[in-house]
Protein backbone atom coordinates (compact mmCIF):
# COMPACT_ATOMS: atom_id res chain seq x y z
CA MET A 1 -10.41 -5.56 -4.94
CA PRO A 2 -10.25 -6.09 -8.82
CA ILE A 3 -11.26 -2.48 -9.58
CA GLU A 4 -9.13 -0.42 -11.91
CA ASN A 5 -8.41 3.33 -11.88
CA VAL A 6 -9.10 3.63 -8.14
CA ASP A 7 -8.37 7.21 -7.34
CA THR A 8 -7.44 8.84 -4.03
CA ASP A 9 -10.93 10.38 -3.66
CA GLN A 10 -12.32 6.92 -3.65
CA ILE A 11 -9.64 5.75 -1.22
CA ILE A 12 -10.47 8.60 1.16
CA PRO A 13 -13.22 10.96 0.23
CA ALA A 14 -12.24 14.70 0.46
CA ARG A 15 -14.86 15.50 3.14
CA PHE A 16 -12.57 13.52 5.62
CA LEU A 17 -9.46 15.59 4.90
CA LYS A 18 -10.02 18.13 7.56
CA ALA A 19 -7.66 16.49 10.06
CA THR A 20 -3.87 16.99 10.06
CA SER A 21 -3.17 14.03 12.28
CA LYS A 22 -2.96 10.52 10.71
CA GLU A 23 -5.32 9.04 13.30
CA GLY A 24 -8.80 7.76 12.32
CA PHE A 25 -8.26 7.72 8.53
CA GLY A 26 -8.60 3.97 8.32
CA ASP A 27 -12.14 4.17 9.55
CA ASN A 28 -13.03 6.01 6.36
CA LEU A 29 -11.05 3.98 3.86
CA PHE A 30 -13.22 3.50 0.78
CA ARG A 31 -16.11 5.17 2.84
CA ASP A 32 -18.50 5.70 -0.02
CA TRP A 33 -18.06 2.11 -1.22
CA ARG A 34 -18.11 0.49 2.16
CA TYR A 35 -21.22 2.32 3.55
CA ASP A 36 -24.55 3.45 2.05
CA LYS A 37 -26.14 6.92 2.63
CA ASP A 38 -27.62 5.70 5.81
CA ASN A 39 -24.16 4.61 7.14
CA ARG A 40 -24.89 0.90 6.80
CA PRO A 41 -22.21 -1.46 5.58
CA VAL A 42 -22.62 -2.35 1.92
CA GLN A 43 -22.57 -6.07 2.14
CA SER A 44 -21.23 -6.68 -1.37
CA PHE A 45 -18.10 -4.53 -1.00
CA VAL A 46 -15.09 -6.80 -0.35
CA LEU A 47 -13.78 -5.07 2.78
CA ASN A 48 -17.11 -5.66 4.47
CA ASN A 49 -16.68 -9.41 4.04
CA PRO A 50 -14.72 -10.92 6.94
CA VAL A 51 -13.50 -13.70 4.76
CA TYR A 52 -11.24 -11.15 3.09
CA LYS A 53 -8.94 -9.92 5.79
CA GLY A 54 -5.26 -9.50 6.18
CA GLU A 55 -2.37 -6.99 5.70
CA ILE A 56 -2.20 -7.18 1.86
CA LEU A 57 -4.59 -5.24 -0.38
CA VAL A 58 -4.65 -6.62 -3.95
CA ALA A 59 -5.97 -3.94 -6.30
CA GLY A 60 -6.69 -3.41 -9.98
CA LYS A 61 -4.38 -1.60 -12.28
CA ASN A 62 -3.74 2.18 -11.76
CA PHE A 63 -4.34 2.28 -8.08
CA GLY A 64 -3.90 5.66 -6.33
CA CYS A 65 -4.53 7.92 -9.28
CA GLY A 66 -5.90 11.29 -8.98
CA SER A 67 -5.00 13.94 -6.50
CA SER A 68 -1.78 13.82 -4.60
CA ARG A 69 -3.33 13.57 -1.17
CA GLU A 70 -1.09 11.82 1.27
CA HIS A 71 -4.26 11.04 3.26
CA ALA A 72 -4.96 8.07 0.93
CA ALA A 73 -1.76 6.37 2.28
CA TRP A 74 -2.78 7.36 5.79
CA ALA A 75 -6.09 5.55 5.34
CA ILE A 76 -4.66 2.42 3.88
CA ALA A 77 -2.08 2.24 6.70
CA GLY A 78 -4.68 3.13 9.32
CA TYR A 79 -6.96 0.33 8.10
CA GLY A 80 -4.05 -2.07 8.66
CA PHE A 81 -2.75 -2.81 5.22
CA LYS A 82 1.02 -3.02 5.07
CA VAL A 83 1.26 -3.96 1.32
CA VAL A 84 -0.70 -2.90 -1.79
CA VAL A 85 -0.27 -5.05 -4.84
CA SER A 86 -1.25 -3.71 -8.27
CA ALA A 87 -0.02 -3.80 -11.91
CA PHE A 88 0.39 0.07 -11.67
CA PHE A 89 0.45 2.81 -9.17
CA ALA A 90 0.37 6.53 -9.67
CA ASP A 91 3.79 7.83 -8.83
CA ILE A 92 2.75 10.30 -6.18
CA PHE A 93 0.60 7.71 -4.46
CA LYS A 94 3.47 5.19 -4.69
CA ASN A 95 5.82 7.63 -2.96
CA ASN A 96 3.25 8.62 -0.31
CA ALA A 97 2.60 5.00 0.48
CA MET A 98 6.35 4.25 0.97
CA ASN A 99 6.71 7.37 3.19
CA ASN A 100 3.96 5.90 5.31
CA PHE A 101 5.40 2.33 5.52
CA VAL A 102 2.88 0.89 3.06
CA LEU A 103 4.81 -1.18 0.48
CA PRO A 104 3.47 -0.78 -3.08
CA VAL A 105 4.35 -3.93 -4.99
CA VAL A 106 4.02 -3.60 -8.76
CA VAL A 107 3.52 -7.03 -10.56
CA SER A 108 2.70 -7.89 -14.16
CA GLU A 109 -0.89 -7.83 -15.36
CA ASP A 110 -0.70 -11.61 -15.81
CA PHE A 111 0.50 -12.15 -12.26
CA LEU A 112 -2.09 -9.87 -10.93
CA SER A 113 -4.87 -11.78 -12.89
CA GLU A 114 -3.45 -15.07 -11.50
CA ILE A 115 -3.80 -13.64 -7.92
CA PHE A 116 -7.41 -12.63 -8.59
CA LYS A 117 -8.21 -16.03 -10.01
CA SER A 118 -6.69 -17.73 -6.91
CA VAL A 119 -8.76 -15.63 -4.54
CA ASP A 120 -11.95 -16.19 -6.63
CA LYS A 121 -11.41 -19.97 -6.17
CA ASN A 122 -10.38 -19.75 -2.64
CA PRO A 123 -10.96 -16.50 -0.64
CA GLN A 124 -8.45 -17.86 1.99
CA ALA A 125 -5.63 -17.71 -0.64
CA THR A 126 -2.47 -15.96 0.58
CA LEU A 127 0.53 -14.19 -0.68
CA THR A 128 3.98 -14.00 0.64
CA VAL A 129 5.95 -10.77 0.22
CA ASP A 130 9.63 -11.12 0.74
CA LEU A 131 11.12 -7.61 0.76
CA GLU A 132 14.63 -8.72 1.39
CA ASN A 133 14.62 -10.67 -1.88
CA GLN A 134 12.07 -8.46 -3.58
CA LEU A 135 9.82 -11.35 -4.36
CA ILE A 136 6.03 -11.89 -4.17
CA THR A 137 4.69 -15.46 -4.23
CA ASN A 138 1.11 -16.59 -4.90
CA ASN A 139 0.99 -19.34 -2.20
CA VAL A 140 -1.81 -21.11 -4.14
CA THR A 141 0.05 -21.66 -7.33
CA GLY A 142 3.62 -21.41 -5.96
CA LYS A 143 4.47 -18.88 -8.71
CA SER A 144 6.56 -15.93 -7.80
CA GLU A 145 7.55 -12.64 -9.48
CA LYS A 146 10.27 -10.11 -8.67
CA PHE A 147 9.31 -6.60 -7.82
CA ALA A 148 11.31 -3.37 -7.80
CA ILE A 149 12.01 -1.01 -4.98
CA ASN A 150 14.75 1.55 -4.74
CA THR A 151 17.57 0.60 -2.39
CA TYR A 152 17.09 3.68 -0.13
CA LYS A 153 13.35 2.94 0.48
CA LYS A 154 14.15 -0.77 0.89
CA GLU A 155 16.65 -0.06 3.56
CA CYS A 156 14.27 2.33 5.33
CA PHE A 157 11.43 -0.41 5.33
CA LEU A 158 13.75 -3.15 6.52
CA LYS A 159 15.11 -0.95 9.34
CA GLY A 160 11.90 0.80 10.21
CA PHE A 161 13.38 4.17 9.30
CA ASP A 162 11.63 7.26 8.14
CA ASP A 163 13.63 9.86 6.27
CA ILE A 164 14.85 11.51 9.43
CA ASP A 165 15.79 8.19 11.02
CA TYR A 166 17.78 7.25 7.94
CA LEU A 167 19.64 10.60 8.08
CA LEU A 168 20.45 10.19 11.75
CA SER A 169 21.79 6.76 11.03
CA LYS A 170 24.23 8.36 8.63
CA LYS A 171 25.28 11.10 11.07
CA GLU A 172 28.85 9.79 11.57
CA HIS A 173 29.38 9.65 7.78
CA ILE A 174 27.88 13.19 7.24
CA GLU A 175 30.07 14.53 10.06
CA GLU A 176 33.16 12.89 8.48
CA TYR A 177 32.32 14.24 5.17
CA GLU A 178 31.99 17.75 6.66
CA ARG A 179 35.35 17.45 8.39
CA GLN A 180 37.06 16.45 5.19
CA GLY A 181 35.66 19.61 3.55
CA ASP A 182 37.31 21.92 6.10
C-alpha cells in the first residue's frame, strides 16, 4: 500500500471506536477505502485484491500518524497482519502496534521503494522478517536490511509475552531484589 501519511482515522474510522473489546476491528480496517458508500468493495483498493494477501503490510512513509487511538493497531492485528513495514511510523502508533503483537519494521526509503518495485513487477513477491537477527529480506532481490527494536519488546515478541507476562517471568528476580532491600 504505497500511500504516505496514512493516519489512524484512515486505518480505523472514528465511527467504529465505540467498542472496548478488540474483537471485530479487522473487519473495518481501512473501511472508507475498502468499501464505497453502498458498502460494496472498492475493486481498486489493494486489500480487496486477493493477489495481495499475507501477514505483512507494506505501507508508505509516516504510517499511523494522527490520533493516538490504539484501535488502529487492533484493526491491523484483527485483519491478520503481524508485521507492518514502512520508512517511518508515528511513535504512538509504533508503541501501540508492539503492545498488540504487530511488529513495526522501519526500513530506509530506498529499501521501501525497492520492495514496492518488486511487488509491482510480481504481486507474489515475498519478504522474510527475521526478528531474532533483526533483519528484513526482499526475497525477490535477495537484499536485506537491519531494523531496530528495543531489547525488551524483542524479548516480549519472541516469547509471546505482554507486559504482565514479562513481569511475571521476572517474579523471582523481583522477589530477590525486595528481600535484599530488607
